N, C-alpha and C. Protein backbone atom coordinates (compact mmCIF):
# COMPACT_ATOMS: atom_id res chain seq x y z
N UNK A 1 -36.18 18.18 -2.53
CA UNK A 1 -34.88 17.62 -2.87
C UNK A 1 -34.46 18.03 -4.27
N UNK A 2 -35.40 18.06 -5.20
CA UNK A 2 -35.04 18.44 -6.56
C UNK A 2 -34.61 19.90 -6.63
N UNK A 3 -35.15 20.72 -5.72
CA UNK A 3 -34.75 22.13 -5.70
C UNK A 3 -33.28 22.25 -5.32
N UNK A 4 -32.85 21.45 -4.37
CA UNK A 4 -31.45 21.46 -3.96
C UNK A 4 -30.55 21.00 -5.11
N UNK A 5 -30.93 19.94 -5.78
CA UNK A 5 -30.13 19.44 -6.90
C UNK A 5 -30.06 20.46 -8.03
N UNK A 6 -31.15 21.13 -8.29
CA UNK A 6 -31.12 22.13 -9.37
C UNK A 6 -30.21 23.30 -8.99
N UNK A 7 -30.17 23.67 -7.72
CA UNK A 7 -29.27 24.74 -7.28
C UNK A 7 -27.82 24.31 -7.39
N UNK A 8 -27.54 23.05 -7.04
CA UNK A 8 -26.17 22.53 -7.16
C UNK A 8 -25.75 22.50 -8.63
N UNK A 9 -26.63 22.04 -9.49
CA UNK A 9 -26.32 22.01 -10.92
C UNK A 9 -26.05 23.40 -11.47
N UNK A 10 -26.88 24.36 -11.05
CA UNK A 10 -26.70 25.74 -11.52
C UNK A 10 -25.36 26.30 -11.06
N UNK A 11 -24.99 26.01 -9.80
CA UNK A 11 -23.69 26.46 -9.30
C UNK A 11 -22.56 25.80 -10.07
N UNK A 12 -22.65 24.49 -10.29
CA UNK A 12 -21.58 23.76 -10.98
C UNK A 12 -21.36 24.28 -12.39
N UNK A 13 -22.40 24.78 -13.01
CA UNK A 13 -22.28 25.29 -14.38
C UNK A 13 -21.81 26.74 -14.44
N UNK A 14 -21.82 27.42 -13.31
CA UNK A 14 -21.40 28.83 -13.29
C UNK A 14 -19.87 28.90 -13.32
N UNK A 15 -19.36 30.09 -13.60
CA UNK A 15 -17.91 30.26 -13.64
C UNK A 15 -17.29 30.01 -12.27
N UNK A 16 -17.96 30.43 -11.22
CA UNK A 16 -17.46 30.19 -9.86
C UNK A 16 -17.45 28.69 -9.54
N UNK A 17 -18.47 27.99 -9.98
CA UNK A 17 -18.54 26.55 -9.75
C UNK A 17 -17.46 25.80 -10.51
N UNK A 18 -17.22 26.20 -11.75
CA UNK A 18 -16.16 25.55 -12.54
C UNK A 18 -14.80 25.79 -11.91
N UNK A 19 -14.59 26.99 -11.36
CA UNK A 19 -13.34 27.30 -10.68
C UNK A 19 -13.18 26.42 -9.43
N UNK A 20 -14.27 26.25 -8.69
CA UNK A 20 -14.23 25.41 -7.49
C UNK A 20 -13.90 23.97 -7.84
N UNK A 21 -14.49 23.47 -8.93
CA UNK A 21 -14.22 22.10 -9.36
C UNK A 21 -12.75 21.94 -9.74
N UNK A 22 -12.19 22.92 -10.44
CA UNK A 22 -10.76 22.86 -10.80
C UNK A 22 -9.88 22.81 -9.56
N UNK A 23 -10.20 23.64 -8.56
CA UNK A 23 -9.40 23.67 -7.34
C UNK A 23 -9.48 22.34 -6.59
N UNK A 24 -10.66 21.76 -6.53
CA UNK A 24 -10.83 20.48 -5.84
C UNK A 24 -10.08 19.38 -6.58
N UNK A 25 -10.16 19.37 -7.89
CA UNK A 25 -9.43 18.35 -8.66
C UNK A 25 -7.93 18.48 -8.46
N UNK A 26 -7.43 19.72 -8.45
CA UNK A 26 -6.00 19.94 -8.25
C UNK A 26 -5.59 19.49 -6.85
N UNK A 27 -6.39 19.82 -5.86
CA UNK A 27 -6.07 19.43 -4.48
C UNK A 27 -6.14 17.92 -4.30
N UNK A 28 -7.07 17.27 -4.99
CA UNK A 28 -7.21 15.82 -4.83
C UNK A 28 -6.07 15.06 -5.49
N UNK A 29 -5.33 15.71 -6.36
CA UNK A 29 -4.20 15.02 -6.99
C UNK A 29 -2.97 15.01 -6.09
N UNK A 30 -2.98 15.82 -5.02
CA UNK A 30 -1.88 15.87 -4.06
C UNK A 30 -2.08 14.76 -3.02
N UNK A 31 -1.13 13.81 -2.89
CA UNK A 31 -1.31 12.68 -1.96
C UNK A 31 -1.51 13.12 -0.51
N UNK A 32 -0.84 14.17 -0.09
CA UNK A 32 -1.00 14.62 1.30
C UNK A 32 -2.41 15.15 1.55
N UNK A 33 -2.90 15.94 0.62
CA UNK A 33 -4.26 16.48 0.76
C UNK A 33 -5.30 15.37 0.68
N UNK A 34 -5.04 14.38 -0.18
CA UNK A 34 -5.97 13.26 -0.30
C UNK A 34 -6.07 12.51 1.02
N UNK A 35 -4.92 12.30 1.69
CA UNK A 35 -4.92 11.61 2.98
C UNK A 35 -5.66 12.43 4.03
N UNK A 36 -5.47 13.75 4.02
CA UNK A 36 -6.19 14.61 4.96
C UNK A 36 -7.70 14.51 4.73
N UNK A 37 -8.12 14.54 3.49
CA UNK A 37 -9.54 14.46 3.18
C UNK A 37 -10.11 13.11 3.58
N UNK A 38 -9.34 12.06 3.36
CA UNK A 38 -9.81 10.72 3.71
C UNK A 38 -10.01 10.61 5.22
N UNK A 39 -9.07 11.16 5.99
CA UNK A 39 -9.21 11.16 7.44
C UNK A 39 -10.39 11.97 7.91
N UNK A 40 -10.60 13.11 7.29
CA UNK A 40 -11.74 13.97 7.66
C UNK A 40 -13.06 13.26 7.38
N UNK A 41 -13.17 12.64 6.23
CA UNK A 41 -14.41 11.93 5.88
C UNK A 41 -14.62 10.76 6.83
N UNK A 42 -13.54 10.08 7.18
CA UNK A 42 -13.66 8.98 8.13
C UNK A 42 -14.17 9.45 9.48
N UNK A 43 -13.68 10.61 9.94
CA UNK A 43 -14.17 11.15 11.21
C UNK A 43 -15.63 11.56 11.11
N UNK A 44 -16.04 12.11 9.98
CA UNK A 44 -17.44 12.48 9.80
C UNK A 44 -18.35 11.26 9.85
N UNK A 45 -17.87 10.17 9.30
CA UNK A 45 -18.66 8.94 9.28
C UNK A 45 -18.62 8.20 10.60
N UNK A 46 -17.79 8.67 11.51
CA UNK A 46 -17.73 8.03 12.81
C UNK A 46 -16.61 7.01 12.94
N UNK A 47 -15.76 6.93 11.94
CA UNK A 47 -14.64 6.00 11.99
C UNK A 47 -13.47 6.58 12.75
N UNK A 48 -12.48 5.77 12.96
CA UNK A 48 -11.28 6.22 13.66
C UNK A 48 -10.18 6.41 12.63
N UNK A 49 -9.51 7.55 12.72
CA UNK A 49 -8.47 7.86 11.74
C UNK A 49 -7.09 7.44 12.21
N UNK A 50 -6.95 7.07 13.48
CA UNK A 50 -5.67 6.67 14.01
C UNK A 50 -4.88 7.81 14.61
N UNK A 51 -5.33 9.05 14.43
CA UNK A 51 -4.68 10.22 14.99
C UNK A 51 -5.63 10.92 15.95
N UNK A 52 -5.06 11.62 16.93
CA UNK A 52 -5.90 12.37 17.87
C UNK A 52 -5.71 13.84 17.66
C-alpha cells in the first residue's frame, strides 16, 4: 500500500500531475461538471442518481 501512495505522491509532484490537479480544480468549479461527477460517484457507490 505504501508503494502505491509513494507513486501517487511522485505523480502529484511532477509537472504532469500539477497540470492534472489544475484541470480537475477548474472542472470542479463548474456547477454542471460538479453535478455530473456527483452522479457518477453515486452510481459507483451503488446509489441511484435519478436518471437512467
